[in-house]
């Protein structure tokens, strides 16, 4: 049984919040989500709003959406993406549950690998003294290693790769390593998937972006060695 003092403290808090502690929790969660997105924007990651989960399906009106809660809201996502704090804040104020994507091939590329391969690669990078840069975990299956982009301003110098991944690709087309560059995008924390899991930072966006070629061999070896079992919760930072 709760003591009278504990009950009194709870009651005073309830009155201070206007009798609606649940609403205060919602406000705190929305503030946290905005803060995480603004941290990414502060690091230079362009942000665009994305669809979100609604009752285990997608908020978009597409029947049989092939990527529920994992695609931009607008076909103009590449020009819409921004680091402007005011614009990002307006988007979330208008749609507080919206997920977010960041286009690749402009500021950064992303090397996308199975979760356990990513964990092994991160350990090996640390042992070898190679900085990994920002890393995010999507669901319990994939890790995203953010790197500098290999898509320069000079279009003639841009080169393609068999590992290139684009939004229209089937997920099993590159089951091991996927390289998101020009014309692609990835989800940003704190997006949520339809099963309720959240995209989270393993290493935050404030870490400097490394050269992708410095990570590629380590990630490729890890993908060859390990499949894609579940991600350990201890690797996510909150």
Protein backbone atom coordinates (compact mmCIF):
# COMPACT_ATOMS: atom_id res chain seq x y z
CA UNK A 1 0.00 0.00 0.00
CA UNK A 2 1.25 3.49 -0.83
CA UNK A 3 2.01 5.82 2.08
CA UNK A 4 -0.04 8.97 2.59
CA UNK A 5 3.03 11.01 1.67
CA UNK A 6 3.42 9.18 -1.66
CA UNK A 7 -0.26 9.57 -2.46
CA UNK A 8 -0.07 13.27 -1.61
CA UNK A 9 2.97 13.77 -3.85
CA UNK A 10 1.23 12.01 -6.75
CA UNK A 11 -1.92 14.08 -6.20
CA UNK A 12 0.02 17.36 -6.19
CA UNK A 13 1.75 16.34 -9.44
CA UNK A 14 -1.61 15.41 -10.97
CA UNK A 15 -3.04 18.81 -10.07
CA UNK A 16 0.08 20.62 -11.35
CA UNK A 17 -0.36 18.92 -14.73
CA UNK A 18 -4.00 19.87 -14.91
CA UNK A 19 -5.21 16.39 -14.04
CA UNK A 20 -3.87 14.95 -17.28
CA UNK A 21 -0.50 13.24 -16.67
CA UNK A 22 -0.95 11.18 -19.84
CA UNK A 23 -0.99 14.35 -21.93
CA UNK A 24 2.22 15.52 -20.26
CA UNK A 25 3.85 12.21 -21.21
CA UNK A 26 2.75 12.66 -24.82
CA UNK A 27 4.15 16.20 -24.88
CA UNK A 28 7.46 14.99 -23.43
CA UNK A 29 7.68 12.23 -26.04
CA UNK A 30 6.99 14.68 -28.87
CA UNK A 31 9.66 17.02 -27.52
CA UNK A 32 12.12 14.12 -27.41
CA UNK A 33 11.37 13.15 -31.01
CA UNK A 34 11.84 16.74 -32.17
CA UNK A 35 15.12 17.01 -30.27
CA UNK A 36 16.48 13.85 -31.91
CA UNK A 37 15.59 15.14 -35.39
CA UNK A 38 17.08 18.57 -34.73
CA UNK A 39 20.30 16.91 -33.56
CA UNK A 40 20.52 15.22 -36.97
CA UNK A 41 19.79 18.50 -38.76
CA UNK A 42 22.42 20.26 -36.64
CA UNK A 43 24.93 17.65 -37.85
CA UNK A 44 24.04 18.58 -41.44
CA UNK A 45 21.67 15.71 -42.27
CA UNK A 46 18.82 16.95 -44.48
CA UNK A 47 15.44 15.81 -43.16
CA UNK A 48 12.12 15.16 -44.92
CA UNK A 49 8.85 13.89 -43.39
CA UNK A 50 7.85 10.28 -43.93
CA UNK A 51 4.79 8.11 -43.44
CA UNK A 52 4.20 6.53 -40.05
CA UNK A 53 2.53 3.45 -38.64
CA UNK A 54 -1.21 3.38 -37.97
CA UNK A 55 -2.67 0.19 -36.51
CA UNK A 56 0.15 -1.99 -37.90
CA UNK A 57 -0.19 -0.47 -41.36
CA UNK A 58 0.93 2.68 -43.17
CA UNK A 59 -0.49 6.16 -42.76
CA UNK A 60 -0.45 6.65 -46.55
CA UNK A 61 -3.58 5.89 -48.57
CA UNK A 62 -1.86 3.36 -50.83
CA UNK A 63 -3.51 -0.06 -50.79
CA UNK A 64 -0.94 -2.71 -49.96
CA UNK A 65 1.86 -0.21 -49.33
CA UNK A 66 5.13 -2.10 -50.04
CA UNK A 67 7.14 -0.14 -47.44
CA UNK A 68 4.75 0.81 -44.63
CA UNK A 69 6.04 3.66 -42.45
CA UNK A 70 9.34 3.62 -44.37
CA UNK A 71 8.82 6.04 -47.27
CA UNK A 72 8.59 9.85 -47.73
CA UNK A 73 5.25 11.62 -47.63
CA UNK A 74 5.94 13.50 -50.86
CA UNK A 75 7.36 12.56 -54.25
CA UNK A 76 9.33 15.81 -53.93
CA UNK A 77 11.29 14.47 -50.94
CA UNK A 78 14.68 15.30 -52.46
CA UNK A 79 13.92 19.01 -52.85
CA UNK A 80 11.82 19.06 -49.68
CA UNK A 81 14.61 17.76 -47.40
CA UNK A 82 16.09 20.49 -45.22
CA UNK A 83 18.19 21.22 -42.15
CA UNK A 84 16.08 24.27 -41.26
CA UNK A 85 15.00 23.95 -37.63
CA UNK A 86 11.83 26.00 -38.10
CA UNK A 87 10.63 23.92 -41.04
CA UNK A 88 11.29 20.61 -39.27
CA UNK A 89 9.48 21.90 -36.18
CA UNK A 90 6.47 22.92 -38.30
CA UNK A 91 6.33 19.46 -39.89
CA UNK A 92 6.25 17.72 -36.55
CA UNK A 93 3.74 20.20 -35.13
CA UNK A 94 1.45 19.44 -38.06
CA UNK A 95 2.00 15.65 -37.92
CA UNK A 96 3.55 14.69 -34.55
CA UNK A 97 3.70 10.98 -35.41
CA UNK A 98 5.49 11.45 -38.72
CA UNK A 99 8.65 9.48 -39.37
CA UNK A 100 11.63 11.08 -41.11
CA UNK A 101 13.99 10.16 -43.92
CA UNK A 102 17.28 11.65 -45.05
CA UNK A 103 18.31 11.60 -48.73
CA UNK A 104 21.68 10.03 -49.48
CA UNK A 105 24.28 10.98 -52.06
CA UNK A 106 24.32 14.65 -51.08
CA UNK A 107 25.81 15.15 -47.64
CA UNK A 108 26.33 11.50 -46.82
CA UNK A 109 26.08 7.96 -48.13
CA UNK A 110 24.89 5.02 -46.03
CA UNK A 111 26.32 1.50 -45.92
CA UNK A 112 23.38 -0.65 -44.84
CA UNK A 113 24.18 -4.10 -43.38
CA UNK A 114 22.52 -6.90 -41.38
CA UNK A 115 22.42 -6.03 -37.69
CA UNK A 116 24.81 -8.66 -36.35
CA UNK A 117 27.28 -7.99 -39.16
CA UNK A 118 27.13 -4.32 -38.18
CA UNK A 119 27.81 -5.10 -34.55
CA UNK A 120 30.78 -7.30 -35.45
CA UNK A 121 32.12 -4.69 -37.87
CA UNK A 122 31.84 -1.94 -35.25
CA UNK A 123 33.88 -4.02 -32.80
CA UNK A 124 36.55 -4.69 -35.42
CA UNK A 125 36.69 -1.04 -36.47
CA UNK A 126 37.24 -0.04 -32.84
CA UNK A 127 40.00 -2.64 -32.46
CA UNK A 128 41.74 -1.39 -35.59
CA UNK A 129 41.43 2.27 -34.60
CA UNK A 130 39.19 3.19 -37.55
CA UNK A 131 36.44 5.69 -36.68
CA UNK A 132 33.02 4.40 -37.68
CA UNK A 133 31.12 7.69 -37.69
CA UNK A 134 27.35 7.83 -37.08
CA UNK A 135 25.56 4.47 -36.97
CA UNK A 136 21.81 3.84 -36.67
CA UNK A 137 19.83 0.66 -36.05
CA UNK A 138 16.63 0.03 -38.02
CA UNK A 139 14.26 -2.50 -36.52
CA UNK A 140 16.18 -5.52 -35.21
CA UNK A 141 17.61 -6.46 -38.58
CA UNK A 142 19.68 -3.66 -40.18
CA UNK A 143 22.41 -1.21 -39.18
CA UNK A 144 23.14 2.00 -41.12
CA UNK A 145 26.74 3.28 -41.29
CA UNK A 146 26.74 6.94 -42.36
CA UNK A 147 29.78 7.98 -44.43
CA UNK A 148 30.92 10.79 -46.68
CA UNK A 149 29.27 10.72 -50.09
CA UNK A 150 30.95 9.41 -53.22
CA UNK A 151 28.59 11.54 -55.35
CA UNK A 152 30.62 14.73 -56.02
CA UNK A 153 29.35 17.97 -57.46
CA UNK A 154 30.92 17.09 -60.80
CA UNK A 155 28.41 14.67 -62.32
CA UNK A 156 31.05 13.28 -64.71
CA UNK A 157 33.08 11.98 -61.78
CA UNK A 158 30.24 10.06 -60.16
CA UNK A 159 30.62 6.27 -60.38
CA UNK A 160 28.10 3.52 -59.84
CA UNK A 161 28.40 0.38 -57.76
CA UNK A 162 26.76 -3.03 -57.91
CA UNK A 163 25.90 -2.45 -54.24
CA UNK A 164 23.82 0.67 -55.00
CA UNK A 165 20.43 0.58 -53.34
CA UNK A 166 17.45 2.70 -54.42
CA UNK A 167 13.95 3.17 -52.99
CA UNK A 168 12.35 0.99 -55.67
CA UNK A 169 14.72 -1.95 -55.07
CA UNK A 170 13.38 -5.17 -53.62
CA UNK A 171 14.72 -5.72 -50.10
CA UNK A 172 16.22 -9.08 -51.03
CA UNK A 173 18.12 -7.65 -54.00
CA UNK A 174 21.07 -6.83 -51.75
CA UNK A 175 20.47 -9.03 -48.68
CA UNK A 176 23.95 -8.37 -47.31
CA UNK A 177 25.52 -4.97 -47.91
CA UNK A 178 23.51 -2.16 -49.51
CA UNK A 179 25.07 1.15 -50.50
CA UNK A 180 22.64 4.07 -50.40
CA UNK A 181 23.94 6.95 -52.48
CA UNK A 182 22.48 9.41 -55.02
CA UNK A 183 18.74 8.93 -55.50
CA UNK A 184 18.17 6.88 -52.35
CA UNK A 185 17.22 7.59 -48.74
CA UNK A 186 17.14 5.94 -45.31
CA UNK A 187 15.00 6.34 -42.22
CA UNK A 188 16.29 8.60 -39.48
CA UNK A 189 15.88 8.17 -35.72
CA UNK A 190 13.43 8.37 -34.03
CA UNK A 191 11.22 6.86 -36.75
CA UNK A 192 8.99 3.95 -35.73
CA UNK A 193 8.08 0.89 -37.77
CA UNK A 194 4.70 -0.83 -37.91
CA UNK A 195 5.74 -3.38 -35.27
CA UNK A 196 6.42 -0.59 -32.80
CA UNK A 197 10.22 -0.77 -32.89
CA UNK A 198 12.12 2.52 -33.18
CA UNK A 199 15.07 3.51 -35.31
CA UNK A 200 17.80 4.51 -32.84
CA UNK A 201 21.33 5.84 -32.85
CA UNK A 202 24.10 3.39 -32.00
CA UNK A 203 26.61 6.22 -32.54
CA UNK A 204 25.08 9.68 -32.74
CA UNK A 205 25.05 12.06 -35.73
CA UNK A 206 27.67 14.31 -34.11
CA UNK A 207 30.45 11.86 -35.03
CA UNK A 208 32.48 12.88 -38.14
CA UNK A 209 31.57 11.11 -41.37
CA UNK A 210 34.27 8.61 -42.45
CA UNK A 211 35.33 7.68 -45.98
CA UNK A 212 33.13 4.74 -47.09
CA UNK A 213 36.07 2.88 -48.59
CA UNK A 214 37.71 2.74 -45.14
CA UNK A 215 34.69 0.86 -43.83
CA UNK A 216 33.81 -1.22 -46.87
CA UNK A 217 36.27 -4.09 -46.42
CA UNK A 218 35.39 -4.54 -42.74
CA UNK A 219 31.65 -4.45 -43.44
CA UNK A 220 31.97 -6.82 -46.40
CA UNK A 221 33.95 -9.34 -44.33
CA UNK A 222 31.43 -9.13 -41.49
CA UNK A 223 28.52 -9.68 -43.90
CA UNK A 224 30.25 -12.73 -45.36
CA UNK A 225 30.83 -14.17 -41.89
CA UNK A 226 27.50 -13.49 -40.20
CA UNK A 227 23.85 -13.56 -41.19
CA UNK A 228 21.20 -11.23 -39.78
CA UNK A 229 19.95 -12.29 -36.33
CA UNK A 230 18.36 -9.88 -33.88
CA UNK A 231 20.10 -6.75 -32.65
CA UNK A 232 21.09 -6.54 -29.00
CA UNK A 233 19.19 -3.77 -27.20
CA UNK A 234 22.34 -2.67 -25.38
CA UNK A 235 23.72 -1.16 -28.58
CA UNK A 236 21.03 1.51 -28.83
CA UNK A 237 21.58 4.87 -27.17
CA UNK A 238 18.55 6.85 -25.98
